Amino acid sequence: MVATPEQFAAYNKANIETLLTLANSAFANAERLAALNLNTARSLLEDGVSNAKALLAVKDAQELISLQTSLAQPLVEKAVAYTRSVYEITSQSQEEVSKLLEAQVAELNKGVATALDKAAKSAPAGSDVAVAAVKSAIAAANSAYDSLSKAAKQVAEIAEANVAAATNATVKAVSTGTKTTASKKAA
């Protein structure tokens, strides 16, 4: 089984295209994260200035406590929103890489199967058992890979559900805490 220069060129071209796809995906996601971080920093700076002005306008302790309570919830909500956005970007990035790797594994499996079939045709008589054993090993490896891939996807889905539940619980806890503090001040 001799590979021709054209086969090597096609293989190298496919690998370069895969690397370019990965690089473009990485840059796009880095750009999204940078934009998110810049927008978050800008928003926090604006909020900080606004909050400082509000604190300077406070006239008594009761007003200070009320102001602190009113400032806490938006800050936590923004932190949760930022965390969700980062998680979303990283999840999408991981999904893109997974799809690309799955395509590469499928292409590799196809190439190995083709090469194995060619080798089996030119193999000496009696080597059918060895070829069948190799095919069986490849099938077992593919099955194991598929099982691991499915398990990883399930873990990712569970993690995503847990993150969503935790962020919702955090927002509810802060909201409830703010309302409780506000009602105690009113009393």
N, C-alpha and C. Protein backbone atom coordinates (compact mmCIF):
# COMPACT_ATOMS: atom_id res chain seq x y z
N MET A 1 0.85 -1.17 0.00
CA MET A 1 0.00 0.00 0.00
C MET A 1 0.90 1.24 0.00
N VAL A 2 1.05 1.83 -1.16
CA VAL A 2 1.92 2.98 -1.33
C VAL A 2 1.05 4.23 -1.51
N ALA A 3 1.36 5.26 -0.74
CA ALA A 3 0.63 6.51 -0.86
C ALA A 3 1.27 7.36 -1.95
N THR A 4 0.46 7.98 -2.74
CA THR A 4 0.96 8.83 -3.82
C THR A 4 1.16 10.24 -3.29
N PRO A 5 1.96 11.02 -3.99
CA PRO A 5 2.12 12.43 -3.57
C PRO A 5 0.79 13.18 -3.53
N GLU A 6 -0.13 12.82 -4.44
CA GLU A 6 -1.43 13.47 -4.44
C GLU A 6 -2.21 13.16 -3.16
N GLN A 7 -2.07 11.92 -2.67
CA GLN A 7 -2.75 11.53 -1.43
C GLN A 7 -2.17 12.31 -0.24
N PHE A 8 -0.83 12.44 -0.22
CA PHE A 8 -0.20 13.22 0.85
C PHE A 8 -0.64 14.68 0.79
N ALA A 9 -0.70 15.23 -0.42
CA ALA A 9 -1.12 16.63 -0.58
C ALA A 9 -2.56 16.82 -0.12
N ALA A 10 -3.43 15.89 -0.48
CA ALA A 10 -4.83 15.98 -0.06
C ALA A 10 -4.95 15.86 1.45
N TYR A 11 -4.17 14.95 2.02
CA TYR A 11 -4.19 14.76 3.48
C TYR A 11 -3.70 16.03 4.19
N ASN A 12 -2.61 16.59 3.70
CA ASN A 12 -2.07 17.81 4.31
C ASN A 12 -3.03 18.99 4.14
N LYS A 13 -3.66 19.08 2.98
CA LYS A 13 -4.63 20.16 2.75
C LYS A 13 -5.80 20.04 3.73
N ALA A 14 -6.29 18.83 3.92
CA ALA A 14 -7.39 18.61 4.86
C ALA A 14 -6.97 19.00 6.28
N ASN A 15 -5.76 18.64 6.67
CA ASN A 15 -5.28 18.99 8.01
C ASN A 15 -5.12 20.49 8.18
N ILE A 16 -4.63 21.15 7.15
CA ILE A 16 -4.48 22.61 7.23
C ILE A 16 -5.84 23.28 7.34
N GLU A 17 -6.81 22.79 6.57
CA GLU A 17 -8.16 23.35 6.65
C GLU A 17 -8.76 23.15 8.04
N THR A 18 -8.51 21.99 8.63
CA THR A 18 -9.00 21.73 9.98
C THR A 18 -8.34 22.68 10.98
N LEU A 19 -7.03 22.86 10.86
CA LEU A 19 -6.33 23.78 11.76
C LEU A 19 -6.81 25.22 11.58
N LEU A 20 -7.06 25.61 10.34
CA LEU A 20 -7.59 26.96 10.09
C LEU A 20 -8.97 27.13 10.70
N THR A 21 -9.79 26.11 10.59
CA THR A 21 -11.12 26.17 11.19
C THR A 21 -11.01 26.31 12.70
N LEU A 22 -10.13 25.52 13.31
CA LEU A 22 -9.92 25.61 14.76
C LEU A 22 -9.40 26.99 15.16
N ALA A 23 -8.44 27.50 14.40
CA ALA A 23 -7.87 28.82 14.71
C ALA A 23 -8.93 29.91 14.57
N ASN A 24 -9.70 29.87 13.49
CA ASN A 24 -10.76 30.87 13.31
C ASN A 24 -11.79 30.80 14.42
N SER A 25 -12.13 29.60 14.83
CA SER A 25 -13.09 29.43 15.93
C SER A 25 -12.51 29.99 17.23
N ALA A 26 -11.26 29.69 17.48
CA ALA A 26 -10.61 30.19 18.70
C ALA A 26 -10.55 31.72 18.70
N PHE A 27 -10.19 32.30 17.57
CA PHE A 27 -10.13 33.76 17.49
C PHE A 27 -11.51 34.39 17.64
N ALA A 28 -12.50 33.80 17.02
CA ALA A 28 -13.87 34.34 17.13
C ALA A 28 -14.34 34.30 18.57
N ASN A 29 -14.07 33.20 19.26
CA ASN A 29 -14.50 33.09 20.65
C ASN A 29 -13.69 34.00 21.56
N ALA A 30 -12.41 34.15 21.28
CA ALA A 30 -11.59 35.09 22.05
C ALA A 30 -12.10 36.52 21.85
N GLU A 31 -12.49 36.83 20.62
CA GLU A 31 -13.05 38.15 20.33
C GLU A 31 -14.35 38.37 21.09
N ARG A 32 -15.20 37.36 21.13
CA ARG A 32 -16.46 37.47 21.87
C ARG A 32 -16.19 37.68 23.36
N LEU A 33 -15.23 36.92 23.91
CA LEU A 33 -14.89 37.09 25.33
C LEU A 33 -14.31 38.47 25.60
N ALA A 34 -13.45 38.95 24.71
CA ALA A 34 -12.86 40.28 24.90
C ALA A 34 -13.95 41.35 24.86
N ALA A 35 -14.87 41.23 23.91
CA ALA A 35 -15.97 42.21 23.83
C ALA A 35 -16.82 42.16 25.09
N LEU A 36 -17.12 40.96 25.55
CA LEU A 36 -17.90 40.82 26.78
C LEU A 36 -17.16 41.47 27.95
N ASN A 37 -15.88 41.20 28.07
CA ASN A 37 -15.10 41.77 29.17
C ASN A 37 -15.03 43.29 29.09
N LEU A 38 -14.85 43.84 27.90
CA LEU A 38 -14.81 45.30 27.74
C LEU A 38 -16.16 45.93 28.08
N ASN A 39 -17.22 45.33 27.58
CA ASN A 39 -18.56 45.86 27.89
C ASN A 39 -18.87 45.76 29.37
N THR A 40 -18.46 44.66 29.99
CA THR A 40 -18.68 44.49 31.43
C THR A 40 -17.86 45.51 32.22
N ALA A 41 -16.62 45.71 31.83
CA ALA A 41 -15.77 46.69 32.52
C ALA A 41 -16.35 48.10 32.38
N ARG A 42 -16.81 48.43 31.18
CA ARG A 42 -17.42 49.75 30.95
C ARG A 42 -18.66 49.92 31.83
N SER A 43 -19.49 48.90 31.85
CA SER A 43 -20.71 48.96 32.64
C SER A 43 -20.39 49.09 34.14
N LEU A 44 -19.41 48.32 34.60
CA LEU A 44 -19.03 48.40 36.01
C LEU A 44 -18.45 49.77 36.37
N LEU A 45 -17.69 50.34 35.47
CA LEU A 45 -17.14 51.68 35.71
C LEU A 45 -18.26 52.71 35.80
N GLU A 46 -19.20 52.65 34.87
CA GLU A 46 -20.33 53.57 34.88
C GLU A 46 -21.15 53.39 36.16
N ASP A 47 -21.40 52.13 36.53
CA ASP A 47 -22.15 51.86 37.76
C ASP A 47 -21.39 52.34 38.98
N GLY A 48 -20.08 52.16 38.97
CA GLY A 48 -19.26 52.61 40.10
C GLY A 48 -19.33 54.10 40.29
N VAL A 49 -19.26 54.83 39.20
CA VAL A 49 -19.36 56.29 39.27
C VAL A 49 -20.73 56.70 39.78
N SER A 50 -21.75 56.08 39.22
CA SER A 50 -23.12 56.39 39.64
C SER A 50 -23.33 56.06 41.12
N ASN A 51 -22.81 54.91 41.55
CA ASN A 51 -22.95 54.50 42.95
C ASN A 51 -22.18 55.43 43.88
N ALA A 52 -21.00 55.87 43.44
CA ALA A 52 -20.21 56.79 44.27
C ALA A 52 -20.95 58.12 44.43
N LYS A 53 -21.55 58.58 43.35
CA LYS A 53 -22.33 59.83 43.45
C LYS A 53 -23.52 59.66 44.39
N ALA A 54 -24.16 58.51 44.32
CA ALA A 54 -25.30 58.25 45.20
C ALA A 54 -24.84 58.18 46.65
N LEU A 55 -23.70 57.54 46.90
CA LEU A 55 -23.18 57.45 48.28
C LEU A 55 -22.81 58.84 48.82
N LEU A 56 -22.28 59.68 47.96
CA LEU A 56 -21.93 61.03 48.41
C LEU A 56 -23.16 61.87 48.74
N ALA A 57 -24.29 61.52 48.17
CA ALA A 57 -25.52 62.27 48.41
C ALA A 57 -26.28 61.78 49.65
N VAL A 58 -25.80 60.70 50.29
CA VAL A 58 -26.48 60.15 51.46
C VAL A 58 -26.39 61.13 52.63
N LYS A 59 -27.54 61.26 53.34
CA LYS A 59 -27.59 62.23 54.44
C LYS A 59 -27.63 61.58 55.82
N ASP A 60 -28.12 60.33 55.92
CA ASP A 60 -28.17 59.68 57.23
C ASP A 60 -27.94 58.17 57.08
N ALA A 61 -27.83 57.48 58.21
CA ALA A 61 -27.52 56.05 58.23
C ALA A 61 -28.64 55.22 57.61
N GLN A 62 -29.88 55.58 57.86
CA GLN A 62 -31.01 54.85 57.29
C GLN A 62 -30.98 54.90 55.76
N GLU A 63 -30.69 56.05 55.24
CA GLU A 63 -30.59 56.21 53.79
C GLU A 63 -29.41 55.42 53.23
N LEU A 64 -28.32 55.35 53.98
CA LEU A 64 -27.15 54.57 53.57
C LEU A 64 -27.49 53.08 53.48
N ILE A 65 -28.19 52.55 54.49
CA ILE A 65 -28.58 51.14 54.49
C ILE A 65 -29.51 50.85 53.33
N SER A 66 -30.44 51.73 53.10
CA SER A 66 -31.38 51.57 51.99
C SER A 66 -30.65 51.58 50.65
N LEU A 67 -29.70 52.47 50.51
CA LEU A 67 -28.93 52.58 49.28
C LEU A 67 -28.08 51.32 49.05
N GLN A 68 -27.44 50.82 50.11
CA GLN A 68 -26.64 49.60 49.98
C GLN A 68 -27.49 48.43 49.51
N THR A 69 -28.67 48.33 50.06
CA THR A 69 -29.58 47.26 49.68
C THR A 69 -29.98 47.39 48.21
N SER A 70 -30.27 48.59 47.78
CA SER A 70 -30.70 48.79 46.40
C SER A 70 -29.55 48.59 45.41
N LEU A 71 -28.32 48.77 45.85
CA LEU A 71 -27.18 48.60 44.96
C LEU A 71 -26.74 47.14 44.85
N ALA A 72 -27.03 46.32 45.85
CA ALA A 72 -26.55 44.94 45.88
C ALA A 72 -27.18 44.07 44.80
N GLN A 73 -28.48 44.13 44.67
CA GLN A 73 -29.16 43.23 43.73
C GLN A 73 -28.73 43.44 42.28
N PRO A 74 -28.69 44.65 41.77
CA PRO A 74 -28.25 44.81 40.37
C PRO A 74 -26.82 44.30 40.14
N LEU A 75 -25.98 44.47 41.14
CA LEU A 75 -24.60 44.01 41.01
C LEU A 75 -24.54 42.49 40.90
N VAL A 76 -25.30 41.81 41.75
CA VAL A 76 -25.34 40.34 41.69
C VAL A 76 -25.95 39.88 40.38
N GLU A 77 -27.01 40.54 39.94
CA GLU A 77 -27.65 40.16 38.68
C GLU A 77 -26.70 40.33 37.50
N LYS A 78 -25.90 41.40 37.52
CA LYS A 78 -24.92 41.61 36.45
C LYS A 78 -23.81 40.55 36.53
N ALA A 79 -23.41 40.20 37.72
CA ALA A 79 -22.38 39.15 37.86
C ALA A 79 -22.90 37.82 37.34
N VAL A 80 -24.14 37.51 37.64
CA VAL A 80 -24.75 36.26 37.16
C VAL A 80 -24.87 36.30 35.64
N ALA A 81 -25.29 37.43 35.09
CA ALA A 81 -25.43 37.56 33.63
C ALA A 81 -24.06 37.41 32.95
N TYR A 82 -23.02 38.00 33.55
CA TYR A 82 -21.67 37.88 33.01
C TYR A 82 -21.22 36.42 33.02
N THR A 83 -21.47 35.74 34.14
CA THR A 83 -21.07 34.35 34.26
C THR A 83 -21.81 33.49 33.24
N ARG A 84 -23.08 33.75 33.06
CA ARG A 84 -23.86 33.01 32.05
C ARG A 84 -23.28 33.24 30.66
N SER A 85 -22.93 34.46 30.36
CA SER A 85 -22.39 34.78 29.03
C SER A 85 -21.05 34.07 28.80
N VAL A 86 -20.20 34.08 29.79
CA VAL A 86 -18.91 33.39 29.67
C VAL A 86 -19.14 31.90 29.49
N TYR A 87 -20.06 31.36 30.28
CA TYR A 87 -20.36 29.93 30.17
C TYR A 87 -20.92 29.60 28.78
N GLU A 88 -21.77 30.45 28.27
CA GLU A 88 -22.36 30.23 26.94
C GLU A 88 -21.28 30.24 25.87
N ILE A 89 -20.39 31.20 25.93
CA ILE A 89 -19.32 31.30 24.93
C ILE A 89 -18.41 30.07 25.01
N THR A 90 -18.03 29.68 26.20
CA THR A 90 -17.14 28.52 26.32
C THR A 90 -17.85 27.23 25.92
N SER A 91 -19.13 27.12 26.22
CA SER A 91 -19.89 25.93 25.81
C SER A 91 -19.99 25.84 24.30
N GLN A 92 -20.27 26.96 23.66
CA GLN A 92 -20.35 26.97 22.20
C GLN A 92 -19.00 26.64 21.57
N SER A 93 -17.95 27.16 22.17
CA SER A 93 -16.61 26.88 21.67
C SER A 93 -16.30 25.39 21.79
N GLN A 94 -16.62 24.82 22.93
CA GLN A 94 -16.38 23.39 23.15
C GLN A 94 -17.20 22.56 22.18
N GLU A 95 -18.42 22.98 21.91
CA GLU A 95 -19.28 22.26 20.98
C GLU A 95 -18.72 22.30 19.55
N GLU A 96 -18.20 23.46 19.15
CA GLU A 96 -17.60 23.57 17.82
C GLU A 96 -16.39 22.65 17.69
N VAL A 97 -15.54 22.64 18.70
CA VAL A 97 -14.35 21.79 18.67
C VAL A 97 -14.77 20.32 18.67
N SER A 98 -15.76 19.96 19.45
CA SER A 98 -16.23 18.57 19.49
C SER A 98 -16.73 18.13 18.13
N LYS A 99 -17.52 18.97 17.48
CA LYS A 99 -18.03 18.62 16.15
C LYS A 99 -16.89 18.43 15.16
N LEU A 100 -15.90 19.29 15.23
CA LEU A 100 -14.76 19.19 14.33
C LEU A 100 -13.98 17.91 14.60
N LEU A 101 -13.78 17.60 15.88
CA LEU A 101 -13.05 16.38 16.22
C LEU A 101 -13.84 15.14 15.82
N GLU A 102 -15.14 15.18 15.98
CA GLU A 102 -15.96 14.03 15.56
C GLU A 102 -15.85 13.82 14.06
N ALA A 103 -15.84 14.90 13.30
CA ALA A 103 -15.69 14.79 11.85
C ALA A 103 -14.32 14.22 11.50
N GLN A 104 -13.28 14.66 12.23
CA GLN A 104 -11.94 14.14 11.99
C GLN A 104 -11.85 12.65 12.31
N VAL A 105 -12.45 12.25 13.41
CA VAL A 105 -12.44 10.83 13.80
C VAL A 105 -13.19 10.01 12.76
N ALA A 106 -14.31 10.51 12.29
CA ALA A 106 -15.08 9.79 11.26
C ALA A 106 -14.25 9.65 9.98
N GLU A 107 -13.57 10.72 9.60
CA GLU A 107 -12.73 10.67 8.39
C GLU A 107 -11.56 9.71 8.59
N LEU A 108 -10.97 9.72 9.76
CA LEU A 108 -9.87 8.80 10.07
C LEU A 108 -10.36 7.36 10.01
N ASN A 109 -11.52 7.10 10.59
CA ASN A 109 -12.08 5.75 10.56
C ASN A 109 -12.34 5.29 9.13
N LYS A 110 -12.84 6.21 8.33
CA LYS A 110 -13.11 5.89 6.92
C LYS A 110 -11.80 5.55 6.21
N GLY A 111 -10.78 6.34 6.45
CA GLY A 111 -9.46 6.08 5.83
C GLY A 111 -8.86 4.76 6.27
N VAL A 112 -8.97 4.47 7.57
CA VAL A 112 -8.44 3.21 8.09
C VAL A 112 -9.22 2.03 7.49
N ALA A 113 -10.53 2.15 7.40
CA ALA A 113 -11.34 1.07 6.82
C ALA A 113 -10.98 0.84 5.36
N THR A 114 -10.79 1.93 4.62
CA THR A 114 -10.41 1.81 3.21
C THR A 114 -9.04 1.16 3.07
N ALA A 115 -8.09 1.61 3.88
CA ALA A 115 -6.75 1.03 3.83
C ALA A 115 -6.77 -0.44 4.22
N LEU A 116 -7.58 -0.77 5.22
CA LEU A 116 -7.67 -2.16 5.67
C LEU A 116 -8.29 -3.04 4.58
N ASP A 117 -9.30 -2.51 3.90
CA ASP A 117 -9.90 -3.28 2.80
C ASP A 117 -8.91 -3.51 1.67
N LYS A 118 -8.12 -2.47 1.34
CA LYS A 118 -7.10 -2.62 0.30
C LYS A 118 -6.05 -3.64 0.73
N ALA A 119 -5.65 -3.57 1.99
CA ALA A 119 -4.65 -4.50 2.49
C ALA A 119 -5.19 -5.93 2.50
N ALA A 120 -6.46 -6.09 2.81
CA ALA A 120 -7.06 -7.42 2.86
C ALA A 120 -7.12 -8.04 1.46
N LYS A 121 -7.35 -7.21 0.46
CA LYS A 121 -7.42 -7.72 -0.90
C LYS A 121 -6.07 -8.22 -1.40
N SER A 122 -5.00 -7.56 -0.97
CA SER A 122 -3.68 -7.97 -1.43
C SER A 122 -2.96 -8.86 -0.43
N ALA A 123 -3.63 -9.20 0.66
CA ALA A 123 -3.01 -10.05 1.69
C ALA A 123 -2.95 -11.49 1.21
N PRO A 124 -1.96 -12.22 1.72
CA PRO A 124 -1.86 -13.63 1.34
C PRO A 124 -3.04 -14.43 1.89
N ALA A 125 -3.26 -15.56 1.29
CA ALA A 125 -4.35 -16.44 1.73
C ALA A 125 -4.15 -16.82 3.18
N GLY A 126 -5.24 -16.91 3.91
CA GLY A 126 -5.17 -17.30 5.32
C GLY A 126 -5.06 -16.12 6.27
N SER A 127 -4.93 -14.93 5.74
CA SER A 127 -4.80 -13.76 6.62
C SER A 127 -6.15 -13.15 6.94
N ASP A 128 -7.22 -13.82 6.52
CA ASP A 128 -8.57 -13.32 6.79
C ASP A 128 -8.83 -13.18 8.28
N VAL A 129 -8.29 -14.09 9.06
CA VAL A 129 -8.50 -14.05 10.51
C VAL A 129 -7.86 -12.80 11.10
N ALA A 130 -6.65 -12.48 10.66
CA ALA A 130 -5.96 -11.29 11.17
C ALA A 130 -6.69 -10.02 10.76
N VAL A 131 -7.16 -9.97 9.53
CA VAL A 131 -7.90 -8.80 9.06
C VAL A 131 -9.19 -8.65 9.84
N ALA A 132 -9.88 -9.76 10.07
CA ALA A 132 -11.13 -9.73 10.85
C ALA A 132 -10.85 -9.26 12.28
N ALA A 133 -9.72 -9.69 12.86
CA ALA A 133 -9.38 -9.26 14.22
C ALA A 133 -9.12 -7.76 14.27
N VAL A 134 -8.43 -7.25 13.26
CA VAL A 134 -8.15 -5.81 13.23
C VAL A 134 -9.45 -5.04 13.05
N LYS A 135 -10.32 -5.51 12.16
CA LYS A 135 -11.61 -4.85 11.97
C LYS A 135 -12.43 -4.88 13.25
N SER A 136 -12.37 -6.00 13.96
CA SER A 136 -13.10 -6.11 15.22
C SER A 136 -12.54 -5.14 16.27
N ALA A 137 -11.23 -5.01 16.30
CA ALA A 137 -10.59 -4.07 17.25
C ALA A 137 -10.98 -2.64 16.92
N ILE A 138 -11.01 -2.32 15.63
CA ILE A 138 -11.39 -0.96 15.22
C ILE A 138 -12.85 -0.70 15.57
N ALA A 139 -13.70 -1.68 15.33
CA ALA A 139 -15.12 -1.53 15.69
C ALA A 139 -15.29 -1.33 17.19
N ALA A 140 -14.52 -2.08 17.98
CA ALA A 140 -14.60 -1.94 19.44
C ALA A 140 -14.11 -0.56 19.88
N ALA A 141 -13.03 -0.09 19.26
CA ALA A 141 -12.51 1.24 19.59
C ALA A 141 -13.53 2.32 19.21
N ASN A 142 -14.16 2.19 18.06
CA ASN A 142 -15.19 3.15 17.65
C ASN A 142 -16.38 3.13 18.59
N SER A 143 -16.77 1.95 19.02
CA SER A 143 -17.88 1.82 19.96
C SER A 143 -17.53 2.49 21.29
N ALA A 144 -16.30 2.28 21.75
CA ALA A 144 -15.87 2.90 23.00
C ALA A 144 -15.84 4.42 22.86
N TYR A 145 -15.34 4.90 21.72
CA TYR A 145 -15.31 6.34 21.47
C TYR A 145 -16.72 6.92 21.46
N ASP A 146 -17.64 6.23 20.79
CA ASP A 146 -19.03 6.70 20.76
C ASP A 146 -19.63 6.75 22.16
N SER A 147 -19.35 5.73 22.96
CA SER A 147 -19.88 5.70 24.33
C SER A 147 -19.30 6.85 25.15
N LEU A 148 -18.00 7.09 25.03
CA LEU A 148 -17.37 8.19 25.76
C LEU A 148 -17.92 9.53 25.29
N SER A 149 -18.12 9.66 24.00
CA SER A 149 -18.65 10.91 23.46
C SER A 149 -20.06 11.17 23.99
N LYS A 150 -20.89 10.14 24.00
CA LYS A 150 -22.25 10.30 24.52
C LYS A 150 -22.22 10.63 26.02
N ALA A 151 -21.34 9.97 26.76
CA ALA A 151 -21.23 10.24 28.20
C ALA A 151 -20.77 11.67 28.44
N ALA A 152 -19.81 12.14 27.65
CA ALA A 152 -19.33 13.51 27.80
C ALA A 152 -20.44 14.51 27.50
N LYS A 153 -21.25 14.23 26.49
CA LYS A 153 -22.37 15.12 26.18
C LYS A 153 -23.39 15.15 27.31
N GLN A 154 -23.64 13.98 27.91
CA GLN A 154 -24.58 13.94 29.03
C GLN A 154 -24.04 14.71 30.23
N VAL A 155 -22.75 14.58 30.49
CA VAL A 155 -22.13 15.32 31.59
C VAL A 155 -22.24 16.82 31.33
N ALA A 156 -22.01 17.23 30.08
CA ALA A 156 -22.11 18.65 29.74
C ALA A 156 -23.53 19.16 29.92
N GLU A 157 -24.52 18.35 29.54
CA GLU A 157 -25.92 18.75 29.72
C GLU A 157 -26.27 18.87 31.20
N ILE A 158 -25.79 17.93 32.00
CA ILE A 158 -26.04 17.98 33.44
C ILE A 158 -25.37 19.21 34.04
N ALA A 159 -24.13 19.48 33.64
CA ALA A 159 -23.43 20.66 34.15
C ALA A 159 -24.16 21.94 33.76
N GLU A 160 -24.65 21.98 32.54
CA GLU A 160 -25.39 23.17 32.09
C GLU A 160 -26.67 23.36 32.91
N ALA A 161 -27.37 22.27 33.18
CA ALA A 161 -28.59 22.36 34.00
C ALA A 161 -28.24 22.81 35.41
N ASN A 162 -27.14 22.31 35.96
CA ASN A 162 -26.73 22.71 37.31
C ASN A 162 -26.33 24.18 37.36
N VAL A 163 -25.64 24.65 36.34
CA VAL A 163 -25.25 26.06 36.30
C VAL A 163 -26.50 26.94 36.23
N ALA A 164 -27.45 26.54 35.39
CA ALA A 164 -28.69 27.31 35.28
C ALA A 164 -29.43 27.33 36.61
N ALA A 165 -29.52 26.18 37.28
CA ALA A 165 -30.21 26.12 38.57
C ALA A 165 -29.49 26.96 39.62
N ALA A 166 -28.16 26.90 39.64
CA ALA A 166 -27.40 27.66 40.62
C ALA A 166 -27.54 29.16 40.40
N THR A 167 -27.51 29.60 39.15
CA THR A 167 -27.66 31.03 38.90
C THR A 167 -29.06 31.51 39.24
N ASN A 168 -30.05 30.70 38.92
CA ASN A 168 -31.42 31.09 39.29
C ASN A 168 -31.59 31.15 40.80
N ALA A 169 -31.00 30.20 41.50
CA ALA A 169 -31.08 30.19 42.97
C ALA A 169 -30.37 31.41 43.54
N THR A 170 -29.25 31.78 42.96
CA THR A 170 -28.50 32.95 43.44
C THR A 170 -29.32 34.22 43.26
N VAL A 171 -29.91 34.37 42.08
CA VAL A 171 -30.72 35.56 41.82
C VAL A 171 -31.91 35.60 42.77
N LYS A 172 -32.57 34.46 42.99
CA LYS A 172 -33.71 34.41 43.91
C LYS A 172 -33.28 34.75 45.34
N ALA A 173 -32.14 34.20 45.76
CA ALA A 173 -31.66 34.45 47.12
C ALA A 173 -31.36 35.93 47.33
N VAL A 174 -30.71 36.54 46.37
CA VAL A 174 -30.40 37.97 46.50
C VAL A 174 -31.67 38.79 46.46
N SER A 175 -32.58 38.42 45.58
CA SER A 175 -33.85 39.14 45.48
C SER A 175 -34.64 39.03 46.78
N THR A 176 -34.70 37.83 47.34
CA THR A 176 -35.41 37.61 48.60
C THR A 176 -34.72 38.37 49.73
N GLY A 177 -33.38 38.33 49.74
CA GLY A 177 -32.63 39.04 50.77
C GLY A 177 -32.84 40.54 50.70
N THR A 178 -32.90 41.06 49.50
CA THR A 178 -33.12 42.49 49.32
C THR A 178 -34.53 42.88 49.77
N LYS A 179 -35.51 42.06 49.41
CA LYS A 179 -36.89 42.34 49.81
C LYS A 179 -37.04 42.25 51.32
N THR A 180 -36.40 41.27 51.95
CA THR A 180 -36.47 41.10 53.41
C THR A 180 -35.85 42.29 54.11
N THR A 181 -34.71 42.74 53.61
CA THR A 181 -34.04 43.89 54.21
C THR A 181 -34.89 45.15 54.05
N ALA A 182 -35.50 45.29 52.88
CA ALA A 182 -36.34 46.47 52.62
C ALA A 182 -37.57 46.45 53.52
N SER A 183 -38.17 45.26 53.74
CA SER A 183 -39.35 45.19 54.58
C SER A 183 -39.00 45.42 56.05
N LYS A 184 -37.80 45.03 56.48
CA LYS A 184 -37.39 45.27 57.87
C LYS A 184 -37.18 46.77 58.11
N LYS A 185 -36.68 47.46 57.08
CA LYS A 185 -36.46 48.91 57.24
C LYS A 185 -37.79 49.65 57.30
N ALA A 186 -38.76 49.15 56.55
CA ALA A 186 -40.06 49.80 56.54
C ALA A 186 -40.77 49.66 57.86
N ALA A 187 -40.47 48.54 58.56
CA ALA A 187 -41.15 48.28 59.84
C ALA A 187 -40.58 49.07 60.94
